[in-house]
């Protein structure tokens, strides 16, 4: 959706700023941390982030 020449972000992440989030990435990685910022391309800034890597098909 385009509003006055700018693209609107599909997700409204403003309500998650300064709160704990868990981000699932392609390749099985997961990152948890405190969301400090983001942009319209969904680049995220996390504070106190921890990365988790799943090896194999363990559940």
PDB file of N, CA and C in Angstrom:
ATOM      1  N   UNK A   1       0.844  -1.168   0.000  1.00  0.00           N
ATOM      2  CA  UNK A   1       0.000   0.000   0.000  1.00  0.00           C
ATOM      3  C   UNK A   1       0.893   1.235   0.000  1.00  0.00           C
ATOM      4  N   UNK A   2       0.599   2.196  -0.848  1.00  0.00           N
ATOM      5  CA  UNK A   2       1.384   3.425  -0.931  1.00  0.00           C
ATOM      6  C   UNK A   2       0.538   4.586  -0.440  1.00  0.00           C
ATOM      7  N   UNK A   3       1.079   5.336   0.500  1.00  0.00           N
ATOM      8  CA  UNK A   3       0.394   6.508   1.029  1.00  0.00           C
ATOM      9  C   UNK A   3       1.312   7.703   0.847  1.00  0.00           C
ATOM     10  N   UNK A   4       0.881   8.652   0.051  1.00  0.00           N
ATOM     11  CA  UNK A   4       1.640   9.874  -0.248  1.00  0.00           C
ATOM     12  C   UNK A   4       3.106   9.590  -0.562  1.00  0.00           C
ATOM     13  N   UNK A   5       3.344   8.626  -1.445  1.00  0.00           N
ATOM     14  CA  UNK A   5       4.690   8.351  -1.915  1.00  0.00           C
ATOM     15  C   UNK A   5       5.525   7.458  -1.011  1.00  0.00           C
ATOM     16  N   UNK A   6       5.026   7.070   0.145  1.00  0.00           N
ATOM     17  CA  UNK A   6       5.775   6.214   1.057  1.00  0.00           C
ATOM     18  C   UNK A   6       5.059   4.879   1.206  1.00  0.00           C
ATOM     19  N   UNK A   7       5.835   3.824   1.334  1.00  0.00           N
ATOM     20  CA  UNK A   7       5.245   2.507   1.556  1.00  0.00           C
ATOM     21  C   UNK A   7       4.909   2.352   3.033  1.00  0.00           C
ATOM     22  N   UNK A   8       3.759   1.774   3.288  1.00  0.00           N
ATOM     23  CA  UNK A   8       3.337   1.510   4.659  1.00  0.00           C
ATOM     24  C   UNK A   8       3.815   0.120   5.056  1.00  0.00           C
ATOM     25  N   UNK A   9       4.335  -0.016   6.260  1.00  0.00           N
ATOM     26  CA  UNK A   9       4.784  -1.304   6.755  1.00  0.00           C
ATOM     27  C   UNK A   9       3.585  -2.224   6.961  1.00  0.00           C
ATOM     28  N   UNK A  10       3.721  -3.467   6.541  1.00  0.00           N
ATOM     29  CA  UNK A  10       2.639  -4.431   6.670  1.00  0.00           C
ATOM     30  C   UNK A  10       2.372  -4.732   8.147  1.00  0.00           C
ATOM     31  N   UNK A  11       3.422  -4.814   8.949  1.00  0.00           N
ATOM     32  CA  UNK A  11       3.288  -5.098  10.375  1.00  0.00           C
ATOM     33  C   UNK A  11       3.414  -3.815  11.178  1.00  0.00           C
ATOM     34  N   UNK A  12       2.594  -3.677  12.208  1.00  0.00           N
ATOM     35  CA  UNK A  12       2.708  -2.534  13.108  1.00  0.00           C
ATOM     36  C   UNK A  12       3.540  -2.964  14.308  1.00  0.00           C
ATOM     37  N   UNK A  13       4.842  -2.692  14.257  1.00  0.00           N
ATOM     38  CA  UNK A  13       5.745  -3.133  15.312  1.00  0.00           C
ATOM     39  C   UNK A  13       5.875  -2.128  16.445  1.00  0.00           C
ATOM     40  N   UNK A  14       5.253  -0.962  16.323  1.00  0.00           N
ATOM     41  CA  UNK A  14       5.391   0.085  17.342  1.00  0.00           C
ATOM     42  C   UNK A  14       4.964  -0.406  18.720  1.00  0.00           C
ATOM     43  N   UNK A  15       3.975  -1.265  18.774  1.00  0.00           N
ATOM     44  CA  UNK A  15       3.486  -1.746  20.072  1.00  0.00           C
ATOM     45  C   UNK A  15       4.464  -2.709  20.744  1.00  0.00           C
ATOM     46  N   UNK A  16       5.491  -3.172  20.007  1.00  0.00           N
ATOM     47  CA  UNK A  16       6.474  -4.096  20.563  1.00  0.00           C
ATOM     48  C   UNK A  16       7.787  -3.424  20.956  1.00  0.00           C
ATOM     49  N   UNK A  17       7.935  -2.128  20.688  1.00  0.00           N
ATOM     50  CA  UNK A  17       9.171  -1.419  21.039  1.00  0.00           C
ATOM     51  C   UNK A  17       9.340  -1.435  22.556  1.00  0.00           C
ATOM     52  N   UNK A  18      10.561  -1.704  22.984  1.00  0.00           N
ATOM     53  CA  UNK A  18      10.939  -1.819  24.404  1.00  0.00           C
ATOM     54  C   UNK A  18      10.306  -3.023  25.094  1.00  0.00           C
ATOM     55  N   UNK A  19       9.912  -4.019  24.295  1.00  0.00           N
ATOM     56  CA  UNK A  19       9.376  -5.263  24.850  1.00  0.00           C
ATOM     57  C   UNK A  19      10.192  -6.435  24.307  1.00  0.00           C
ATOM     58  N   UNK A  20      10.145  -7.537  25.016  1.00  0.00           N
ATOM     59  CA  UNK A  20      10.845  -8.734  24.579  1.00  0.00           C
ATOM     60  C   UNK A  20      10.172  -9.347  23.365  1.00  0.00           C
ATOM     61  N   UNK A  21      10.972  -9.729  22.381  1.00  0.00           N
ATOM     62  CA  UNK A  21      10.448 -10.353  21.164  1.00  0.00           C
ATOM     63  C   UNK A  21      11.287 -11.582  20.825  1.00  0.00           C
ATOM     64  N   UNK A  22      10.680 -12.489  20.084  1.00  0.00           N
ATOM     65  CA  UNK A  22      11.370 -13.652  19.549  1.00  0.00           C
ATOM     66  C   UNK A  22      11.194 -13.610  18.037  1.00  0.00           C
ATOM     67  N   UNK A  23      12.314 -13.626  17.310  1.00  0.00           N
ATOM     68  CA  UNK A  23      12.292 -13.530  15.850  1.00  0.00           C
ATOM     69  C   UNK A  23      12.784 -14.854  15.282  1.00  0.00           C
ATOM     70  N   UNK A  24      11.972 -15.467  14.416  1.00  0.00           N
ATOM     71  CA  UNK A  24      12.361 -16.709  13.754  1.00  0.00           C
ATOM     72  C   UNK A  24      12.878 -16.369  12.362  1.00  0.00           C
ATOM     73  N   UNK A  25      14.098 -16.812  12.072  1.00  0.00           N
ATOM     74  CA  UNK A  25      14.752 -16.518  10.803  1.00  0.00           C
ATOM     75  C   UNK A  25      14.801 -17.764   9.933  1.00  0.00           C
ATOM     76  N   UNK A  26      15.016 -17.561   8.647  1.00  0.00           N
ATOM     77  CA  UNK A  26      15.167 -18.706   7.758  1.00  0.00           C
ATOM     78  C   UNK A  26      16.419 -19.474   8.158  1.00  0.00           C
ATOM     79  N   UNK A  27      16.420 -20.758   7.919  1.00  0.00           N
ATOM     80  CA  UNK A  27      17.562 -21.580   8.276  1.00  0.00           C
ATOM     81  C   UNK A  27      17.482 -22.142   9.680  1.00  0.00           C
ATOM     82  N   UNK A  28      16.370 -21.888  10.381  1.00  0.00           N
ATOM     83  CA  UNK A  28      16.184 -22.465  11.701  1.00  0.00           C
ATOM     84  C   UNK A  28      16.690 -21.633  12.858  1.00  0.00           C
ATOM     85  N   UNK A  29      17.262 -20.470  12.591  1.00  0.00           N
ATOM     86  CA  UNK A  29      17.771 -19.631  13.683  1.00  0.00           C
ATOM     87  C   UNK A  29      16.641 -18.864  14.348  1.00  0.00           C
ATOM     88  N   UNK A  30      16.814 -18.619  15.636  1.00  0.00           N
ATOM     89  CA  UNK A  30      15.878 -17.795  16.392  1.00  0.00           C
ATOM     90  C   UNK A  30      16.689 -16.794  17.200  1.00  0.00           C
ATOM     91  N   UNK A  31      16.189 -15.577  17.278  1.00  0.00           N
ATOM     92  CA  UNK A  31      16.844 -14.524  18.046  1.00  0.00           C
ATOM     93  C   UNK A  31      15.815 -13.945  19.002  1.00  0.00           C
ATOM     94  N   UNK A  32      16.200 -13.798  20.261  1.00  0.00           N
ATOM     95  CA  UNK A  32      15.335 -13.144  21.232  1.00  0.00           C
ATOM     96  C   UNK A  32      16.059 -11.921  21.775  1.00  0.00           C
ATOM     97  N   UNK A  33      15.307 -10.904  22.105  1.00  0.00           N
ATOM     98  CA  UNK A  33      15.887  -9.688  22.656  1.00  0.00           C
ATOM     99  C   UNK A  33      14.818  -8.630  22.827  1.00  0.00           C
ATOM    100  N   UNK A  34      15.243  -7.439  23.188  1.00  0.00           N
ATOM    101  CA  UNK A  34      14.332  -6.317  23.377  1.00  0.00           C
ATOM    102  C   UNK A  34      14.330  -5.474  22.110  1.00  0.00           C
ATOM    103  N   UNK A  35      13.164  -5.303  21.505  1.00  0.00           N
ATOM    104  CA  UNK A  35      13.052  -4.519  20.277  1.00  0.00           C
ATOM    105  C   UNK A  35      13.263  -3.045  20.592  1.00  0.00           C
ATOM    106  N   UNK A  36      14.280  -2.450  19.973  1.00  0.00           N
ATOM    107  CA  UNK A  36      14.590  -1.038  20.191  1.00  0.00           C
ATOM    108  C   UNK A  36      14.216  -0.170  18.996  1.00  0.00           C
ATOM    109  N   UNK A  37      14.140  -0.767  17.802  1.00  0.00           N
ATOM    110  CA  UNK A  37      13.782   0.013  16.627  1.00  0.00           C
ATOM    111  C   UNK A  37      13.613  -0.869  15.408  1.00  0.00           C
ATOM    112  N   UNK A  38      13.090  -0.264  14.345  1.00  0.00           N
ATOM    113  CA  UNK A  38      12.858  -0.980  13.091  1.00  0.00           C
ATOM    114  C   UNK A  38      12.637   0.055  11.994  1.00  0.00           C
ATOM    115  N   UNK A  39      12.693  -0.401  10.743  1.00  0.00           N
ATOM    116  CA  UNK A  39      12.385   0.490   9.627  1.00  0.00           C
ATOM    117  C   UNK A  39      11.334  -0.159   8.739  1.00  0.00           C
ATOM    118  N   UNK A  40      10.969   0.520   7.655  1.00  0.00           N
ATOM    119  CA  UNK A  40       9.894   0.010   6.807  1.00  0.00           C
ATOM    120  C   UNK A  40      10.296  -1.240   6.028  1.00  0.00           C
ATOM    121  N   UNK A  41      11.586  -1.544   5.961  1.00  0.00           N
ATOM    122  CA  UNK A  41      12.033  -2.785   5.324  1.00  0.00           C
ATOM    123  C   UNK A  41      12.092  -3.937   6.324  1.00  0.00           C
ATOM    124  N   UNK A  42      11.677  -3.664   7.570  1.00  0.00           N
ATOM    125  CA  UNK A  42      11.655  -4.620   8.672  1.00  0.00           C
ATOM    126  C   UNK A  42      13.045  -5.039   9.130  1.00  0.00           C
ATOM    127  N   UNK A  43      14.041  -4.153   8.963  1.00  0.00           N
ATOM    128  CA  UNK A  43      15.311  -4.336   9.648  1.00  0.00           C
ATOM    129  C   UNK A  43      15.035  -4.046  11.116  1.00  0.00           C
ATOM    130  N   UNK A  44      15.514  -4.910  11.992  1.00  0.00           N
ATOM    131  CA  UNK A  44      15.215  -4.783  13.413  1.00  0.00           C
ATOM    132  C   UNK A  44      16.469  -4.435  14.196  1.00  0.00           C
ATOM    133  N   UNK A  45      16.299  -3.662  15.254  1.00  0.00           N
ATOM    134  CA  UNK A  45      17.364  -3.378  16.209  1.00  0.00           C
ATOM    135  C   UNK A  45      16.948  -4.014  17.523  1.00  0.00           C
ATOM    136  N   UNK A  46      17.744  -5.003  17.975  1.00  0.00           N
ATOM    137  CA  UNK A  46      17.450  -5.701  19.222  1.00  0.00           C
ATOM    138  C   UNK A  46      18.559  -5.429  20.229  1.00  0.00           C
ATOM    139  N   UNK A  47      18.171  -5.234  21.487  1.00  0.00           N
ATOM    140  CA  UNK A  47      19.118  -5.050  22.579  1.00  0.00           C
ATOM    141  C   UNK A  47      19.150  -6.341  23.390  1.00  0.00           C
ATOM    142  N   UNK A  48      20.317  -6.661  23.950  1.00  0.00           N
ATOM    143  CA  UNK A  48      20.460  -7.873  24.770  1.00  0.00           C
ATOM    144  C   UNK A  48      19.999  -9.113  24.004  1.00  0.00           C
ATOM    145  N   UNK A  49      20.408  -9.210  22.742  1.00  0.00           N
ATOM    146  CA  UNK A  49      19.944 -10.296  21.874  1.00  0.00           C
ATOM    147  C   UNK A  49      20.708 -11.594  22.126  1.00  0.00           C
ATOM    148  N   UNK A  50      19.979 -12.693  22.052  1.00  0.00           N
ATOM    149  CA  UNK A  50      20.549 -14.031  22.114  1.00  0.00           C
ATOM    150  C   UNK A  50      20.104 -14.788  20.874  1.00  0.00           C
ATOM    151  N   UNK A  51      21.051 -15.498  20.242  1.00  0.00           N
ATOM    152  CA  UNK A  51      20.733 -16.269  19.042  1.00  0.00           C
ATOM    153  C   UNK A  51      20.719 -17.753  19.385  1.00  0.00           C
ATOM    154  N   UNK A  52      19.698 -18.444  18.894  1.00  0.00           N
ATOM    155  CA  UNK A  52      19.564 -19.877  19.096  1.00  0.00           C
ATOM    156  C   UNK A  52      19.599 -20.551  17.734  1.00  0.00           C
ATOM    157  N   UNK A  53      20.348 -21.643  17.645  1.00  0.00           N
ATOM    158  CA  UNK A  53      20.471 -22.390  16.401  1.00  0.00           C
ATOM    159  C   UNK A  53      20.001 -23.813  16.645  1.00  0.00           C
ATOM    160  N   UNK A  54      18.999 -24.223  15.882  1.00  0.00           N
ATOM    161  CA  UNK A  54      18.491 -25.589  15.996  1.00  0.00           C
ATOM    162  C   UNK A  54      19.322 -26.472  15.074  1.00  0.00           C
ATOM    163  N   UNK A  55      19.838 -27.566  15.621  1.00  0.00           N
ATOM    164  CA  UNK A  55      20.639 -28.503  14.840  1.00  0.00           C
ATOM    165  C   UNK A  55      19.830 -29.779  14.671  1.00  0.00           C
ATOM    166  N   UNK A  56      19.618 -30.194  13.444  1.00  0.00           N
ATOM    167  CA  UNK A  56      18.845 -31.401  13.183  1.00  0.00           C
ATOM    168  C   UNK A  56      17.356 -31.150  13.300  1.00  0.00           C
ATOM    169  N   UNK A  57      16.609 -32.225  13.497  1.00  0.00           N
ATOM    170  CA  UNK A  57      15.152 -32.134  13.576  1.00  0.00           C
ATOM    171  C   UNK A  57      14.633 -32.332  14.995  1.00  0.00           C
ATOM    172  N   UNK A  58      15.396 -31.920  15.970  1.00  0.00           N
ATOM    173  CA  UNK A  58      14.963 -32.067  17.366  1.00  0.00           C
ATOM    174  C   UNK A  58      13.845 -31.098  17.671  1.00  0.00           C
ATOM    175  N   UNK A  59      12.848 -31.580  18.416  1.00  0.00           N
ATOM    176  CA  UNK A  59      11.712 -30.732  18.788  1.00  0.00           C
ATOM    177  C   UNK A  59      11.722 -30.521  20.284  1.00  0.00           C
TER     178      UNK A  59
END
